[in-house]
Amino acid sequence: MAVVAVATKTRPRCLPTGGPEVEDAGGRA
């Protein structure tokens, strides 16, 4: 899920996935 992490860095909590990965990446970034 590297792509998700990168995308979250650019636009945190703005992905259509809305999964736990996005939340975790957003909190970490």
Protein backbone atom coordinates (compact mmCIF):
# COMPACT_ATOMS: atom_id res chain seq x y z
CA MET A 1 0.00 0.00 0.00
CA ALA A 2 2.88 2.35 -0.76
CA VAL A 3 0.74 4.26 -3.26
CA VAL A 4 -1.88 4.87 -0.58
CA ALA A 5 0.75 6.21 1.80
CA VAL A 6 2.12 8.59 -0.83
CA ALA A 7 -1.35 9.75 -1.82
CA THR A 8 -2.24 10.29 1.83
CA LYS A 9 0.85 12.43 2.27
CA THR A 10 -0.25 14.71 -0.55
CA ARG A 11 -3.93 14.78 0.34
CA PRO A 12 -4.57 13.25 3.79
CA ARG A 13 -8.01 11.73 4.43
CA CYS A 14 -9.09 12.63 0.89
CA LEU A 15 -9.07 9.22 -0.77
CA PRO A 16 -12.14 7.31 -1.97
CA THR A 17 -10.86 4.19 -0.20
CA GLY A 18 -11.64 5.45 3.29
CA GLY A 19 -10.05 2.30 4.72
CA PRO A 20 -8.01 1.78 7.89
CA GLU A 21 -4.83 2.11 5.81
CA VAL A 22 -5.70 5.68 4.88
CA GLU A 23 -6.48 6.61 8.48
CA ASP A 24 -3.25 5.05 9.73
CA ALA A 25 -1.17 6.73 7.03
CA GLY A 26 -2.86 10.08 7.70
CA GLY A 27 -2.18 9.82 11.42
CA ARG A 28 1.44 8.83 10.84
CA ALA A 29 2.11 11.49 8.21
